[in-house]
Amino acid sequence: MTARLENKIAIITGATSGIGEATARRFAEEGASLMLAARSVDKGEALAKALGDNAAFTRTDVSNEDEMAALVDATVERFGRLDCLFNNAGAGERSTAETIDEASFDHFMRLLAGSVAFGIKHAARVMKDQGSGSIINNASIAGHRLNQGGYLYSGAKAAAAHFTRIASVELGEYGIRVNAISPGAIATPIFWGGSARAQTLSDEENAAKLDKLTSNLAQATPLPRAGYAVDIANAAVFLASDEAGFVNGHDLVVDGGRIQMFNEKS
């Protein structure tokens, strides 16, 4: 059976933990060659080594346009083309309309929305010449419903989903598909401070937090289980593959039905 991403070249940002790492591993299993991007050099290089000769790592701050441009250039230099970009990198935050400040606004909007906009921009300049490509943006159900994330997080994720729709129309004529994935509550360390916080805890402490989290999420989802990073990775494999060749401008919600349980007062 042919691997679903055989001979495809993909960039995955935020590749060293959570959804990014799970997606990197699934893409590798499906035959893709990978450029991994994140800020943690040690973890990025270790993961690239574990995935084999068809994986490489470039340290990247996705909130910086110059570094996103350099990431795309490094990928083309290493592998000769770019078939897929997964704009995945991000972080959670819990601001409200009354607690935001200028510094946090600049940081989270650049990280969560700017990275998507600039990722699309620089992937498109390569993919247009090829006449093909798949760009996948990590949005969130927080961009669809209230009380699912912080003020800035939710606004930025809504922007990421709308950038997806706009770009799908602008770039479709060049054979470039642009889609989003909106995860629900996925069991990753983002719930207890992100990968940086997780690295300060022991394996036993992280396992205990994950066990408690998965139990809580299972009770708050129509499907009686938690969502896992691999659930998002599997969706990304589909959108990157030729199976999704006529899927463009779509925001694929992967949340076990959680989005249906909440209204504006929840």
C-alpha atoms as a PDB file:
ATOM      1  CA  MET A   1       0.000   0.000   0.000  1.00  0.00           C
ATOM      2  CA  THR A   2       1.423   3.382  -1.023  1.00  0.00           C
ATOM      3  CA  ALA A   3       2.134   5.813   1.779  1.00  0.00           C
ATOM      4  CA  ARG A   4      -0.342   8.718   1.649  1.00  0.00           C
ATOM      5  CA  LEU A   5       2.357  11.425   1.700  1.00  0.00           C
ATOM      6  CA  GLU A   6       5.045   9.659  -0.285  1.00  0.00           C
ATOM      7  CA  ASN A   7       7.416  12.082  -2.043  1.00  0.00           C
ATOM      8  CA  LYS A   8       5.815  15.118  -0.376  1.00  0.00           C
ATOM      9  CA  ILE A   9       7.871  17.786   1.365  1.00  0.00           C
ATOM     10  CA  ALA A  10       6.289  19.374   4.425  1.00  0.00           C
ATOM     11  CA  ILE A  11       7.051  22.065   6.980  1.00  0.00           C
ATOM     12  CA  ILE A  12       5.571  21.677  10.459  1.00  0.00           C
ATOM     13  CA  THR A  13       5.888  24.579  12.886  1.00  0.00           C
ATOM     14  CA  GLY A  14       5.716  24.050  16.622  1.00  0.00           C
ATOM     15  CA  ALA A  15       7.000  20.584  15.839  1.00  0.00           C
ATOM     16  CA  THR A  16       8.679  19.654  19.113  1.00  0.00           C
ATOM     17  CA  SER A  17       5.651  18.972  21.323  1.00  0.00           C
ATOM     18  CA  GLY A  18       1.947  18.232  21.405  1.00  0.00           C
ATOM     19  CA  ILE A  19       0.086  18.415  18.108  1.00  0.00           C
ATOM     20  CA  GLY A  20       3.193  19.415  16.163  1.00  0.00           C
ATOM     21  CA  GLU A  21       5.242  16.447  17.301  1.00  0.00           C
ATOM     22  CA  ALA A  22       2.382  14.012  16.737  1.00  0.00           C
ATOM     23  CA  THR A  23       1.888  15.397  13.235  1.00  0.00           C
ATOM     24  CA  ALA A  24       5.581  15.148  12.453  1.00  0.00           C
ATOM     25  CA  ARG A  25       5.574  11.500  13.431  1.00  0.00           C
ATOM     26  CA  ARG A  26       2.408  10.737  11.424  1.00  0.00           C
ATOM     27  CA  PHE A  27       3.707  12.579   8.349  1.00  0.00           C
ATOM     28  CA  ALA A  28       6.949  10.608   8.558  1.00  0.00           C
ATOM     29  CA  GLU A  29       4.996   7.348   8.842  1.00  0.00           C
ATOM     30  CA  GLU A  30       3.119   8.322   5.684  1.00  0.00           C
ATOM     31  CA  GLY A  31       6.323   8.906   3.719  1.00  0.00           C
ATOM     32  CA  ALA A  32       6.792  12.698   3.867  1.00  0.00           C
ATOM     33  CA  SER A  33      10.139  14.437   4.080  1.00  0.00           C
ATOM     34  CA  LEU A  34      10.031  17.015   6.845  1.00  0.00           C
ATOM     35  CA  MET A  35      11.419  20.358   7.859  1.00  0.00           C
ATOM     36  CA  LEU A  36      10.656  20.725  11.541  1.00  0.00           C
ATOM     37  CA  ALA A  37      10.458  24.221  13.012  1.00  0.00           C
ATOM     38  CA  ALA A  38      10.377  25.342  16.637  1.00  0.00           C
ATOM     39  CA  ARG A  39      12.388  27.422  19.099  1.00  0.00           C
ATOM     40  CA  SER A  40      13.853  24.517  21.084  1.00  0.00           C
ATOM     41  CA  VAL A  41      17.023  23.507  19.255  1.00  0.00           C
ATOM     42  CA  ASP A  42      17.803  20.468  21.408  1.00  0.00           C
ATOM     43  CA  LYS A  43      14.313  18.977  21.076  1.00  0.00           C
ATOM     44  CA  GLY A  44      14.059  19.847  17.401  1.00  0.00           C
ATOM     45  CA  GLU A  45      17.359  18.269  16.466  1.00  0.00           C
ATOM     46  CA  ALA A  46      16.604  15.188  18.565  1.00  0.00           C
ATOM     47  CA  LEU A  47      13.235  14.700  16.877  1.00  0.00           C
ATOM     48  CA  ALA A  48      14.707  15.168  13.409  1.00  0.00           C
ATOM     49  CA  LYS A  49      17.350  12.574  14.210  1.00  0.00           C
ATOM     50  CA  ALA A  50      14.704  10.158  15.494  1.00  0.00           C
ATOM     51  CA  LEU A  51      12.653  10.548  12.316  1.00  0.00           C
ATOM     52  CA  GLY A  52      15.589   9.722  10.059  1.00  0.00           C
ATOM     53  CA  ASP A  53      17.448  11.110   7.074  1.00  0.00           C
ATOM     54  CA  ASN A  54      14.330  12.631   5.523  1.00  0.00           C
ATOM     55  CA  ALA A  55      13.830  15.046   8.421  1.00  0.00           C
ATOM     56  CA  ALA A  56      15.665  18.246   9.272  1.00  0.00           C
ATOM     57  CA  PHE A  57      15.239  21.046  11.805  1.00  0.00           C
ATOM     58  CA  THR A  58      15.426  24.831  11.554  1.00  0.00           C
ATOM     59  CA  ARG A  59      15.136  26.974  14.674  1.00  0.00           C
ATOM     60  CA  THR A  60      12.304  29.395  13.964  1.00  0.00           C
ATOM     61  CA  ASP A  61      10.426  32.117  15.795  1.00  0.00           C
ATOM     62  CA  VAL A  62       7.176  31.985  13.839  1.00  0.00           C
ATOM     63  CA  SER A  63       6.150  35.458  15.023  1.00  0.00           C
ATOM     64  CA  ASN A  64       9.021  36.918  12.988  1.00  0.00           C
ATOM     65  CA  GLU A  65       8.364  37.234   9.251  1.00  0.00           C
ATOM     66  CA  ASP A  66      12.059  37.110   8.317  1.00  0.00           C
ATOM     67  CA  GLU A  67      12.444  33.797  10.139  1.00  0.00           C
ATOM     68  CA  MET A  68       9.360  32.364   8.435  1.00  0.00           C
ATOM     69  CA  ALA A  69      10.777  33.383   5.062  1.00  0.00           C
ATOM     70  CA  ALA A  70      14.120  31.794   5.982  1.00  0.00           C
ATOM     71  CA  LEU A  71      12.344  28.592   7.031  1.00  0.00           C
ATOM     72  CA  VAL A  72      10.698  28.246   3.640  1.00  0.00           C
ATOM     73  CA  ASP A  73      13.983  29.003   1.875  1.00  0.00           C
ATOM     74  CA  ALA A  74      15.848  26.439   3.989  1.00  0.00           C
ATOM     75  CA  THR A  75      13.244  23.811   3.121  1.00  0.00           C
ATOM     76  CA  VAL A  76      13.510  24.418  -0.611  1.00  0.00           C
ATOM     77  CA  GLU A  77      17.300  24.436  -0.399  1.00  0.00           C
ATOM     78  CA  ARG A  78      17.310  21.115   1.472  1.00  0.00           C
ATOM     79  CA  PHE A  79      14.519  19.261  -0.347  1.00  0.00           C
ATOM     80  CA  GLY A  80      13.993  21.122  -3.621  1.00  0.00           C
ATOM     81  CA  ARG A  81      10.297  21.998  -3.203  1.00  0.00           C
ATOM     82  CA  LEU A  82       7.477  22.530  -0.701  1.00  0.00           C
ATOM     83  CA  ASP A  83       4.230  20.571  -0.872  1.00  0.00           C
ATOM     84  CA  CYS A  84       2.702  21.273   2.526  1.00  0.00           C
ATOM     85  CA  LEU A  85       2.954  23.842   5.308  1.00  0.00           C
ATOM     86  CA  PHE A  86       1.279  23.118   8.645  1.00  0.00           C
ATOM     87  CA  ASN A  87       1.051  26.436  10.497  1.00  0.00           C
ATOM     88  CA  ASN A  88       0.730  24.822  13.904  1.00  0.00           C
ATOM     89  CA  ALA A  89       2.868  26.757  16.385  1.00  0.00           C
ATOM     90  CA  GLY A  90       1.083  28.617  19.145  1.00  0.00           C
ATOM     91  CA  ALA A  91       0.419  28.951  22.855  1.00  0.00           C
ATOM     92  CA  GLY A  92      -2.561  29.338  25.132  1.00  0.00           C
ATOM     93  CA  GLU A  93      -3.467  32.432  27.122  1.00  0.00           C
ATOM     94  CA  ARG A  94      -6.314  33.456  29.426  1.00  0.00           C
ATOM     95  CA  SER A  95      -6.784  37.215  28.981  1.00  0.00           C
ATOM     96  CA  THR A  96     -10.099  39.065  29.132  1.00  0.00           C
ATOM     97  CA  ALA A  97     -11.244  42.255  27.432  1.00  0.00           C
ATOM     98  CA  GLU A  98     -10.303  44.167  30.584  1.00  0.00           C
ATOM     99  CA  THR A  99      -6.925  42.592  31.292  1.00  0.00           C
ATOM    100  CA  ILE A 100      -5.112  42.780  27.948  1.00  0.00           C
ATOM    101  CA  ASP A 101      -2.166  45.103  27.524  1.00  0.00           C
ATOM    102  CA  GLU A 102      -0.160  46.288  24.547  1.00  0.00           C
ATOM    103  CA  ALA A 103       2.704  43.848  25.053  1.00  0.00           C
ATOM    104  CA  SER A 104       0.465  40.782  25.296  1.00  0.00           C
ATOM    105  CA  PHE A 105      -1.597  41.953  22.331  1.00  0.00           C
ATOM    106  CA  ASP A 106       1.496  42.303  20.159  1.00  0.00           C
ATOM    107  CA  HIS A 107       2.932  38.967  21.291  1.00  0.00           C
ATOM    108  CA  PHE A 108      -0.130  36.764  20.901  1.00  0.00           C
ATOM    109  CA  MET A 109      -1.452  38.346  17.735  1.00  0.00           C
ATOM    110  CA  ARG A 110       1.924  37.927  16.063  1.00  0.00           C
ATOM    111  CA  LEU A 111       2.324  34.377  17.390  1.00  0.00           C
ATOM    112  CA  LEU A 112      -1.170  33.074  16.666  1.00  0.00           C
ATOM    113  CA  ALA A 113      -2.336  35.151  13.702  1.00  0.00           C
ATOM    114  CA  GLY A 114       0.806  36.716  12.266  1.00  0.00           C
ATOM    115  CA  SER A 115       2.540  33.349  11.948  1.00  0.00           C
ATOM    116  CA  VAL A 116      -0.370  32.086   9.853  1.00  0.00           C
ATOM    117  CA  ALA A 117      -0.445  35.159   7.624  1.00  0.00           C
ATOM    118  CA  PHE A 118       3.296  35.151   7.006  1.00  0.00           C
ATOM    119  CA  GLY A 119       3.434  31.382   6.659  1.00  0.00           C
ATOM    120  CA  ILE A 120       0.823  31.547   3.918  1.00  0.00           C
ATOM    121  CA  LYS A 121       2.659  34.422   2.241  1.00  0.00           C
ATOM    122  CA  HIS A 122       6.015  32.705   2.011  1.00  0.00           C
ATOM    123  CA  ALA A 123       4.745  29.209   1.261  1.00  0.00           C
ATOM    124  CA  ALA A 124       2.637  30.651  -1.561  1.00  0.00           C
ATOM    125  CA  ARG A 125       5.580  32.200  -3.378  1.00  0.00           C
ATOM    126  CA  VAL A 126       7.120  28.724  -3.746  1.00  0.00           C
ATOM    127  CA  MET A 127       3.907  26.816  -4.357  1.00  0.00           C
ATOM    128  CA  LYS A 128       2.745  29.212  -7.096  1.00  0.00           C
ATOM    129  CA  ASP A 129       5.782  28.338  -9.201  1.00  0.00           C
ATOM    130  CA  GLN A 130       5.074  24.638  -8.676  1.00  0.00           C
ATOM    131  CA  GLY A 131       1.374  24.988  -9.442  1.00  0.00           C
ATOM    132  CA  SER A 132       0.386  23.011  -6.361  1.00  0.00           C
ATOM    133  CA  GLY A 133       0.525  22.879  -2.582  1.00  0.00           C
ATOM    134  CA  SER A 134      -1.437  22.425   0.617  1.00  0.00           C
ATOM    135  CA  ILE A 135      -1.388  24.959   3.453  1.00  0.00           C
ATOM    136  CA  ILE A 136      -2.993  23.885   6.738  1.00  0.00           C
ATOM    137  CA  ASN A 137      -3.594  26.374   9.533  1.00  0.00           C
ATOM    138  CA  ASN A 138      -4.196  25.377  13.136  1.00  0.00           C
ATOM    139  CA  ALA A 139      -7.258  27.334  14.238  1.00  0.00           C
ATOM    140  CA  SER A 140      -9.500  26.373  17.185  1.00  0.00           C
ATOM    141  CA  ILE A 141     -13.094  25.998  18.288  1.00  0.00           C
ATOM    142  CA  ALA A 142     -12.250  29.041  20.417  1.00  0.00           C
ATOM    143  CA  GLY A 143     -12.546  31.008  17.179  1.00  0.00           C
ATOM    144  CA  HIS A 144     -16.113  29.711  16.714  1.00  0.00           C
ATOM    145  CA  ARG A 145     -17.583  29.804  20.221  1.00  0.00           C
ATOM    146  CA  LEU A 146     -17.250  31.872  23.372  1.00  0.00           C
ATOM    147  CA  ASN A 147     -15.663  30.757  26.650  1.00  0.00           C
ATOM    148  CA  GLN A 148     -13.288  28.327  24.923  1.00  0.00           C
ATOM    149  CA  GLY A 149     -10.106  30.381  25.306  1.00  0.00           C
ATOM    150  CA  GLY A 150      -8.658  33.719  26.293  1.00  0.00           C
ATOM    151  CA  TYR A 151      -9.713  36.983  24.688  1.00  0.00           C
ATOM    152  CA  LEU A 152      -6.590  37.294  22.535  1.00  0.00           C
ATOM    153  CA  TYR A 153      -6.334  33.577  21.824  1.00  0.00           C
ATOM    154  CA  SER A 154      -9.925  33.369  20.625  1.00  0.00           C
ATOM    155  CA  GLY A 155      -9.653  36.504  18.489  1.00  0.00           C
ATOM    156  CA  ALA A 156      -6.407  35.372  16.906  1.00  0.00           C
ATOM    157  CA  LYS A 157      -7.753  31.897  16.162  1.00  0.00           C
ATOM    158  CA  ALA A 158     -10.826  33.421  14.512  1.00  0.00           C
ATOM    159  CA  ALA A 159      -8.420  35.480  12.404  1.00  0.00           C
ATOM    160  CA  ALA A 160      -6.473  32.339  11.466  1.00  0.00           C
ATOM    161  CA  ALA A 161      -9.668  30.680  10.246  1.00  0.00           C
ATOM    162  CA  HIS A 162     -10.650  33.728   8.219  1.00  0.00           C
ATOM    163  CA  PHE A 163      -7.151  34.106   6.742  1.00  0.00           C
ATOM    164  CA  THR A 164      -7.678  30.521   5.593  1.00  0.00           C
ATOM    165  CA  ARG A 165     -10.889  31.353   3.767  1.00  0.00           C
ATOM    166  CA  ILE A 166      -9.466  34.471   2.123  1.00  0.00           C
ATOM    167  CA  ALA A 167      -6.248  32.774   1.021  1.00  0.00           C
ATOM    168  CA  SER A 168      -8.116  29.769  -0.360  1.00  0.00           C
ATOM    169  CA  VAL A 169      -9.855  32.072  -2.836  1.00  0.00           C
ATOM    170  CA  GLU A 170      -6.784  34.138  -3.671  1.00  0.00           C
ATOM    171  CA  LEU A 171      -4.481  31.155  -4.174  1.00  0.00           C
ATOM    172  CA  GLY A 172      -6.845  28.529  -5.560  1.00  0.00           C
ATOM    173  CA  GLU A 173      -6.178  29.473  -9.174  1.00  0.00           C
ATOM    174  CA  TYR A 174      -2.540  28.476  -8.664  1.00  0.00           C
ATOM    175  CA  GLY A 175      -3.441  24.979  -7.467  1.00  0.00           C
ATOM    176  CA  ILE A 176      -2.802  25.857  -3.828  1.00  0.00           C
ATOM    177  CA  ARG A 177      -5.305  24.532  -1.316  1.00  0.00           C
ATOM    178  CA  VAL A 178      -5.635  26.394   1.997  1.00  0.00           C
ATOM    179  CA  ASN A 179      -7.554  24.748   4.833  1.00  0.00           C
ATOM    180  CA  ALA A 180      -7.748  24.924   8.608  1.00  0.00           C
ATOM    181  CA  ILE A 181      -8.170  22.483  11.451  1.00  0.00           C
ATOM    182  CA  SER A 182     -10.096  23.652  14.524  1.00  0.00           C
ATOM    183  CA  PRO A 183      -9.198  21.378  17.433  1.00  0.00           C
ATOM    184  CA  GLY A 184     -11.369  21.159  20.486  1.00  0.00           C
ATOM    185  CA  ALA A 185      -9.956  20.465  23.925  1.00  0.00           C
ATOM    186  CA  ILE A 186      -6.989  18.245  23.068  1.00  0.00           C
ATOM    187  CA  ALA A 187      -5.054  16.588  25.873  1.00  0.00           C
ATOM    188  CA  THR A 188      -1.647  18.259  25.639  1.00  0.00           C
ATOM    189  CA  PRO A 189       0.548  20.178  28.125  1.00  0.00           C
ATOM    190  CA  ILE A 190      -1.014  23.463  26.942  1.00  0.00           C
ATOM    191  CA  PHE A 191      -3.514  22.896  29.762  1.00  0.00           C
ATOM    192  CA  TRP A 192      -0.844  23.067  32.458  1.00  0.00           C
ATOM    193  CA  GLY A 193       1.425  25.762  31.080  1.00  0.00           C
ATOM    194  CA  GLY A 194       2.644  24.425  27.735  1.00  0.00           C
ATOM    195  CA  SER A 195       5.763  22.503  26.797  1.00  0.00           C
ATOM    196  CA  ALA A 196       8.054  24.866  28.723  1.00  0.00           C
ATOM    197  CA  ARG A 197       6.159  24.159  31.944  1.00  0.00           C
ATOM    198  CA  ALA A 198       6.000  20.432  31.200  1.00  0.00           C
ATOM    199  CA  GLN A 199       9.782  20.306  30.902  1.00  0.00           C
ATOM    200  CA  THR A 200      10.092  21.493  34.508  1.00  0.00           C
ATOM    201  CA  LEU A 201       8.032  18.566  35.795  1.00  0.00           C
ATOM    202  CA  SER A 202       8.955  14.929  36.209  1.00  0.00           C
ATOM    203  CA  ASP A 203       7.544  12.243  33.937  1.00  0.00           C
ATOM    204  CA  GLU A 204       5.374  11.093  36.832  1.00  0.00           C
ATOM    205  CA  GLU A 205       3.996  14.606  37.418  1.00  0.00           C
ATOM    206  CA  ASN A 206       3.208  15.108  33.742  1.00  0.00           C
ATOM    207  CA  ALA A 207       1.573  11.692  33.543  1.00  0.00           C
ATOM    208  CA  ALA A 208      -0.607  12.493  36.566  1.00  0.00           C
ATOM    209  CA  LYS A 209      -1.714  15.788  35.047  1.00  0.00           C
ATOM    210  CA  LEU A 210      -2.475  14.106  31.727  1.00  0.00           C
ATOM    211  CA  ASP A 211      -4.470  11.350  33.420  1.00  0.00           C
ATOM    212  CA  LYS A 212      -6.612  13.864  35.324  1.00  0.00           C
ATOM    213  CA  LEU A 213      -7.057  16.006  32.219  1.00  0.00           C
ATOM    214  CA  THR A 214      -8.167  13.141  29.979  1.00  0.00           C
ATOM    215  CA  SER A 215     -10.736  12.083  32.566  1.00  0.00           C
ATOM    216  CA  ASN A 216     -12.159  15.598  32.773  1.00  0.00           C
ATOM    217  CA  LEU A 217     -12.260  16.043  29.001  1.00  0.00           C
ATOM    218  CA  ALA A 218     -14.001  12.722  28.486  1.00  0.00           C
ATOM    219  CA  GLN A 219     -16.859  13.975  30.656  1.00  0.00           C
ATOM    220  CA  ALA A 220     -17.158  17.224  28.678  1.00  0.00           C
ATOM    221  CA  THR A 221     -17.323  15.767  25.156  1.00  0.00           C
ATOM    222  CA  PRO A 222     -20.210  13.986  23.394  1.00  0.00           C
ATOM    223  CA  LEU A 223     -17.820  11.230  22.351  1.00  0.00           C
ATOM    224  CA  PRO A 224     -16.880   9.790  25.757  1.00  0.00           C
ATOM    225  CA  ARG A 225     -13.135  10.217  25.505  1.00  0.00           C
ATOM    226  CA  ALA A 226     -10.539  12.939  25.414  1.00  0.00           C
ATOM    227  CA  GLY A 227      -9.088  14.206  22.178  1.00  0.00           C
ATOM    228  CA  TYR A 228      -5.415  13.499  21.554  1.00  0.00           C
ATOM    229  CA  ALA A 229      -2.726  15.124  19.462  1.00  0.00           C
ATOM    230  CA  VAL A 230      -2.815  12.211  17.034  1.00  0.00           C
ATOM    231  CA  ASP A 231      -6.466  12.994  16.263  1.00  0.00           C
ATOM    232  CA  ILE A 232      -5.354  16.352  14.876  1.00  0.00           C
ATOM    233  CA  ALA A 233      -2.354  14.760  13.175  1.00  0.00           C
ATOM    234  CA  ASN A 234      -4.620  12.349  11.332  1.00  0.00           C
ATOM    235  CA  ALA A 235      -6.751  15.251  10.083  1.00  0.00           C
ATOM    236  CA  ALA A 236      -3.608  17.017   8.888  1.00  0.00           C
ATOM    237  CA  VAL A 237      -2.493  13.900   7.002  1.00  0.00           C
ATOM    238  CA  PHE A 238      -5.804  13.914   5.122  1.00  0.00           C
ATOM    239  CA  LEU A 239      -5.641  17.612   4.243  1.00  0.00           C
ATOM    240  CA  ALA A 240      -2.024  17.295   3.087  1.00  0.00           C
ATOM    241  CA  SER A 241      -2.737  14.242   0.950  1.00  0.00           C
ATOM    242  CA  ASP A 242      -4.080  13.930  -2.575  1.00  0.00           C
ATOM    243  CA  GLU A 243      -7.256  12.471  -1.041  1.00  0.00           C
ATOM    244  CA  ALA A 244      -8.178  16.076  -0.172  1.00  0.00           C
ATOM    245  CA  GLY A 245      -7.439  17.316  -3.667  1.00  0.00           C
ATOM    246  CA  PHE A 246     -10.782  19.133  -3.977  1.00  0.00           C
ATOM    247  CA  VAL A 247     -10.958  20.384  -0.381  1.00  0.00           C
ATOM    248  CA  ASN A 248     -10.198  24.101  -0.241  1.00  0.00           C
ATOM    249  CA  GLY A 249     -11.200  26.867   2.172  1.00  0.00           C
ATOM    250  CA  HIS A 250     -12.515  24.366   4.707  1.00  0.00           C
ATOM    251  CA  ASP A 251     -12.198  24.597   8.505  1.00  0.00           C
ATOM    252  CA  LEU A 252     -12.246  21.004   9.753  1.00  0.00           C
ATOM    253  CA  VAL A 253     -13.498  20.849  13.350  1.00  0.00           C
ATOM    254  CA  VAL A 254     -11.930  17.948  15.262  1.00  0.00           C
ATOM    255  CA  ASP A 255     -13.401  18.022  18.740  1.00  0.00           C
ATOM    256  CA  GLY A 256     -15.588  14.973  19.352  1.00  0.00           C
ATOM    257  CA  GLY A 257     -18.669  17.171  19.058  1.00  0.00           C
ATOM    258  CA  ARG A 258     -17.703  19.529  21.899  1.00  0.00           C
ATOM    259  CA  ILE A 259     -18.486  22.606  19.803  1.00  0.00           C
ATOM    260  CA  GLN A 260     -22.162  21.595  19.755  1.00  0.00           C
ATOM    261  CA  MET A 261     -22.409  21.724  23.552  1.00  0.00           C
ATOM    262  CA  PHE A 262     -21.667  25.390  24.073  1.00  0.00           C
ATOM    263  CA  ASN A 263     -23.581  28.541  23.485  1.00  0.00           C
ATOM    264  CA  GLU A 264     -22.827  32.152  24.318  1.00  0.00           C
ATOM    265  CA  LYS A 265     -23.767  31.711  27.973  1.00  0.00           C
ATOM    266  CA  SER A 266     -21.854  28.478  28.588  1.00  0.00           C
END
